């Protein structure tokens, strides 16, 4: 698995300026300054997610529940936003192989049980 993590994108919007972009499932939109009006809709044919309309104030964030199109509009004054990619999926931890001593102990226990059973 690659350890590459794309840098978050960010920009400023002037009052009344609108920006449209696509977000992947799990991406986070963070309002760094000002107030943003957010409208979202699901990408056609991918997921059945209801659209969202909300306002983000400085310090607030929103995480995309699925792949969506968003439209951001700066309200009243300029606003700054950042988009952070979804956290990478972690590979499951692989259990360490048992040591030789542990295998010997298991084999000895199995041999004892066979002897007791008369096999």
Protein backbone atom coordinates (compact mmCIF):
# COMPACT_ATOMS: atom_id res chain seq x y z
CA UNK A 1 0.00 0.00 0.00
CA UNK A 2 1.31 3.44 -0.88
CA UNK A 3 1.95 5.99 1.83
CA UNK A 4 1.22 8.91 -0.53
CA UNK A 5 -1.30 11.38 0.86
CA UNK A 6 -2.41 14.21 -1.42
CA UNK A 7 -2.11 17.69 0.03
CA UNK A 8 -5.40 19.29 1.05
CA UNK A 9 -6.69 21.87 -1.42
CA UNK A 10 -7.74 25.28 -0.20
CA UNK A 11 -8.85 28.64 -1.55
CA UNK A 12 -10.53 31.92 -0.70
CA UNK A 13 -13.87 32.99 -2.11
CA UNK A 14 -14.92 36.62 -2.41
CA UNK A 15 -18.35 37.63 -1.11
CA UNK A 16 -21.01 36.06 -3.34
CA UNK A 17 -18.49 33.99 -5.30
CA UNK A 18 -19.48 30.37 -6.01
CA UNK A 19 -17.33 27.28 -6.48
CA UNK A 20 -18.42 23.82 -7.63
CA UNK A 21 -16.38 20.64 -7.19
CA UNK A 22 -16.69 16.91 -6.64
CA UNK A 23 -15.82 15.24 -3.35
CA UNK A 24 -15.10 11.57 -2.78
CA UNK A 25 -16.75 9.62 0.02
CA UNK A 26 -15.17 10.60 3.34
CA UNK A 27 -13.56 13.85 2.14
CA UNK A 28 -13.82 16.67 4.67
CA UNK A 29 -14.65 20.29 3.87
CA UNK A 30 -13.41 22.76 6.50
CA UNK A 31 -14.42 26.43 6.74
CA UNK A 32 -11.26 28.30 7.76
CA UNK A 33 -12.74 31.84 7.74
CA UNK A 34 -16.04 33.56 7.04
CA UNK A 35 -19.33 31.80 6.33
CA UNK A 36 -19.94 29.32 3.52
CA UNK A 37 -23.28 28.15 2.12
CA UNK A 38 -22.95 24.49 1.11
CA UNK A 39 -25.28 22.63 -1.27
CA UNK A 40 -24.59 19.01 -2.18
CA UNK A 41 -26.09 16.41 -4.47
CA UNK A 42 -25.12 12.81 -5.16
CA UNK A 43 -23.13 12.03 -8.28
CA UNK A 44 -25.52 10.63 -10.88
CA UNK A 45 -26.07 6.91 -10.63
CA UNK A 46 -23.54 6.26 -7.89
CA UNK A 47 -25.33 6.64 -4.58
CA UNK A 48 -28.81 7.54 -3.47
CA UNK A 49 -28.01 10.29 -0.98
CA UNK A 50 -30.31 13.19 -0.23
CA UNK A 51 -28.90 16.62 -1.00
CA UNK A 52 -27.72 18.79 1.87
CA UNK A 53 -28.03 22.55 2.32
CA UNK A 54 -26.24 24.09 5.27
CA UNK A 55 -24.04 26.94 6.42
CA UNK A 56 -20.52 26.41 7.68
CA UNK A 57 -19.02 29.07 9.90
CA UNK A 58 -15.32 29.49 10.66
CA UNK A 59 -14.03 26.39 12.44
CA UNK A 60 -16.83 24.08 11.31
CA UNK A 61 -16.41 21.13 8.95
CA UNK A 62 -18.55 18.68 7.00
CA UNK A 63 -17.65 15.16 5.81
CA UNK A 64 -19.07 13.83 2.53
CA UNK A 65 -21.16 10.68 3.20
CA UNK A 66 -20.57 9.44 -0.37
CA UNK A 67 -19.29 10.75 -3.69
CA UNK A 68 -21.04 14.13 -4.11
CA UNK A 69 -21.01 17.36 -6.08
CA UNK A 70 -20.88 20.43 -3.85
CA UNK A 71 -21.49 24.08 -4.49
CA UNK A 72 -19.92 26.55 -2.08
CA UNK A 73 -20.92 30.20 -1.87
CA UNK A 74 -19.26 32.79 0.35
CA UNK A 75 -21.90 34.71 2.29
CA UNK A 76 -21.64 38.41 3.24
CA UNK A 77 -17.80 38.55 3.19
CA UNK A 78 -14.88 36.57 1.82
CA UNK A 79 -14.45 33.04 3.13
CA UNK A 80 -11.61 30.53 3.16
CA UNK A 81 -12.05 26.77 2.86
CA UNK A 82 -9.92 23.63 2.86
CA UNK A 83 -10.70 20.20 1.48
CA UNK A 84 -8.97 17.28 3.17
CA UNK A 85 -9.00 13.86 1.48
CA UNK A 86 -10.62 10.91 3.20
CA UNK A 87 -8.35 9.03 5.59
CA UNK A 88 -6.55 6.17 3.83
CA UNK A 89 -7.76 2.70 4.65
CA UNK A 90 -5.38 0.93 6.99
CA UNK A 91 -4.24 -2.54 6.05
CA UNK A 92 -5.28 -5.06 8.70
CA UNK A 93 -2.53 -5.90 11.12
CA UNK A 94 -0.97 -9.27 10.42
CA UNK A 95 -0.52 -11.44 13.48
CA UNK A 96 3.09 -12.32 14.14
CA UNK A 97 4.01 -15.90 13.35
CA UNK A 98 4.33 -18.04 16.47
CA UNK A 99 7.90 -18.61 17.57
CA UNK A 100 9.56 -22.04 17.26
CA UNK A 101 9.34 -22.56 21.01
CA UNK A 102 5.58 -22.01 20.86
CA UNK A 103 5.25 -24.56 18.02
CA UNK A 104 7.28 -27.08 20.00
CA UNK A 105 5.03 -26.59 23.02
CA UNK A 106 1.91 -27.10 20.90
CA UNK A 107 3.34 -30.17 19.19
CA UNK A 108 4.37 -31.68 22.55
CA UNK A 109 0.90 -31.09 24.00
CA UNK A 110 -0.74 -32.72 20.98
CA UNK A 111 1.61 -35.72 21.23
CA UNK A 112 0.81 -36.15 24.94
CA UNK A 113 -2.93 -36.07 24.23
CA UNK A 114 -2.56 -38.70 21.50
CA UNK A 115 -0.60 -40.94 23.87
CA UNK A 116 -3.28 -40.60 26.56
CA UNK A 117 -5.97 -41.50 24.04
CA UNK A 118 -3.99 -44.54 22.99
CA UNK A 119 -3.61 -43.53 19.40
